[in-house]
Amino acid sequence: MHPSTLPEPIAAYFAAEHNPEALGCCFTPQAVMKDDGHTYTGVEAITAFMAEASAKYSATTVPFALASEGGLQIVHAKVTGNFPGSPINLSYRFRLERGLISLLEVTA
């Protein structure tokens, strides 16, 4: 899947994978991210989590499918990094609001 087929805020999110400052620009101020059993609310909490995860796992994410369901954009991606079970396919469920991400849920 070519990144240009993704909606702009989602393409920007994956392009900024290892740049927490750029990632922060992808989200609404009160965005919510759910990942690995935890919920992060607000850009600061989300970027802090992403910076820590990036440093710890050095993961690379490659989107391979996009679907829409109930107002959400669902991206399926292969994630490879320094974690048990790598590589793994994950689902990223995005809700977009005014050209930014307002909700992101990452699940296996």
Protein backbone atom coordinates (compact mmCIF):
# COMPACT_ATOMS: atom_id res chain seq x y z
CA MET A 1 0.00 0.00 0.00
CA HIS A 2 1.39 3.36 -0.98
CA PRO A 3 1.26 6.04 1.79
CA SER A 4 -0.43 8.46 -0.62
CA THR A 5 -3.57 6.31 -0.48
CA LEU A 6 -3.97 7.08 3.24
CA PRO A 7 -5.92 10.14 4.44
CA GLU A 8 -3.47 13.00 5.09
CA PRO A 9 -3.50 12.96 8.94
CA ILE A 10 -2.99 9.18 8.96
CA ALA A 11 -0.17 9.34 6.39
CA ALA A 12 1.45 12.09 8.51
CA TYR A 13 1.12 9.91 11.63
CA PHE A 14 2.97 6.98 10.05
CA ALA A 15 5.57 9.28 8.44
CA ALA A 16 6.33 10.80 11.88
CA GLU A 17 6.69 7.42 13.58
CA HIS A 18 10.02 8.25 15.27
CA ASN A 19 9.52 12.01 15.60
CA PRO A 20 7.29 12.73 18.63
CA GLU A 21 7.24 16.46 17.91
CA ALA A 22 5.88 15.87 14.40
CA LEU A 23 3.49 13.24 15.77
CA GLY A 24 1.99 15.85 18.08
CA CYS A 25 0.93 17.87 15.03
CA CYS A 26 -1.23 14.95 13.83
CA PHE A 27 -3.61 15.00 16.84
CA THR A 28 -6.36 17.26 18.15
CA PRO A 29 -5.46 18.87 21.54
CA GLN A 30 -7.77 16.49 23.47
CA ALA A 31 -7.08 13.39 21.37
CA VAL A 32 -7.26 9.96 22.96
CA MET A 33 -4.91 7.09 22.16
CA LYS A 34 -5.43 3.54 23.39
CA ASP A 35 -2.51 1.15 23.06
CA ASP A 36 -1.28 -1.91 24.94
CA GLY A 37 -4.03 -1.70 27.58
CA HIS A 38 -3.38 1.96 28.40
CA THR A 39 -5.22 5.17 27.52
CA TYR A 40 -3.37 8.43 26.83
CA THR A 41 -5.34 11.68 26.69
CA GLY A 42 -3.98 14.87 25.17
CA VAL A 43 -1.10 15.57 22.84
CA GLU A 44 1.54 15.70 25.61
CA ALA A 45 0.59 12.28 27.01
CA ILE A 46 0.43 10.74 23.54
CA THR A 47 3.78 12.13 22.38
CA ALA A 48 5.48 11.14 25.67
CA PHE A 49 4.23 7.58 25.27
CA MET A 50 5.24 7.47 21.60
CA ALA A 51 8.74 8.82 22.37
CA GLU A 52 9.24 6.17 25.05
CA ALA A 53 7.92 3.37 22.82
CA SER A 54 10.07 4.53 19.90
CA ALA A 55 13.23 4.53 22.03
CA LYS A 56 12.42 1.18 23.64
CA TYR A 57 11.24 -0.84 20.63
CA SER A 58 12.70 0.88 17.53
CA ALA A 59 9.61 -0.32 15.70
CA THR A 60 8.94 0.22 12.03
CA THR A 61 5.34 0.23 10.84
CA VAL A 62 4.31 -0.59 7.28
CA PRO A 63 0.60 -0.09 6.49
CA PHE A 64 -0.82 -2.67 4.09
CA ALA A 65 -4.62 -2.20 4.12
CA LEU A 66 -7.20 0.55 4.71
CA ALA A 67 -10.92 0.18 5.46
CA SER A 68 -13.73 2.38 6.79
CA GLU A 69 -16.17 1.28 9.48
CA GLY A 70 -18.62 3.33 11.53
CA GLY A 71 -16.86 6.65 10.95
CA LEU A 72 -13.42 5.17 11.66
CA GLN A 73 -10.52 4.68 9.27
CA ILE A 74 -8.91 1.31 10.00
CA VAL A 75 -5.33 0.71 8.90
CA HIS A 76 -3.77 -2.74 9.11
CA ALA A 77 0.00 -2.62 9.40
CA LYS A 78 2.99 -4.89 9.89
CA VAL A 79 5.09 -3.75 12.86
CA THR A 80 8.68 -4.92 13.23
CA GLY A 81 10.93 -4.02 16.16
CA ASN A 82 12.72 -5.04 19.35
CA PHE A 83 9.78 -6.70 21.11
CA PRO A 84 8.59 -10.27 21.70
CA GLY A 85 6.61 -11.68 18.77
CA SER A 86 8.07 -9.28 16.20
CA PRO A 87 6.93 -8.87 13.50
CA ILE A 88 3.21 -8.55 14.27
CA ASN A 89 0.20 -7.28 12.37
CA LEU A 90 -1.72 -4.56 14.21
CA SER A 91 -4.91 -2.63 13.54
CA TYR A 92 -4.92 1.16 13.92
CA ARG A 93 -8.45 2.57 14.29
CA PHE A 94 -8.46 6.32 13.60
CA ARG A 95 -11.26 8.85 14.10
CA LEU A 96 -10.53 12.03 12.20
CA GLU A 97 -11.85 15.45 13.20
CA ARG A 98 -11.18 18.66 11.25
CA GLY A 99 -8.16 17.15 9.51
CA LEU A 100 -6.57 15.78 12.69
CA ILE A 101 -6.66 12.52 14.65
CA SER A 102 -9.10 12.69 17.59
CA LEU A 103 -8.98 8.99 18.48
CA LEU A 104 -6.48 6.22 17.83
CA GLU A 105 -6.91 2.66 19.07
CA VAL A 106 -4.11 0.17 18.40
CA THR A 107 -5.01 -3.51 18.70
CA ALA A 108 -3.54 -6.86 17.74
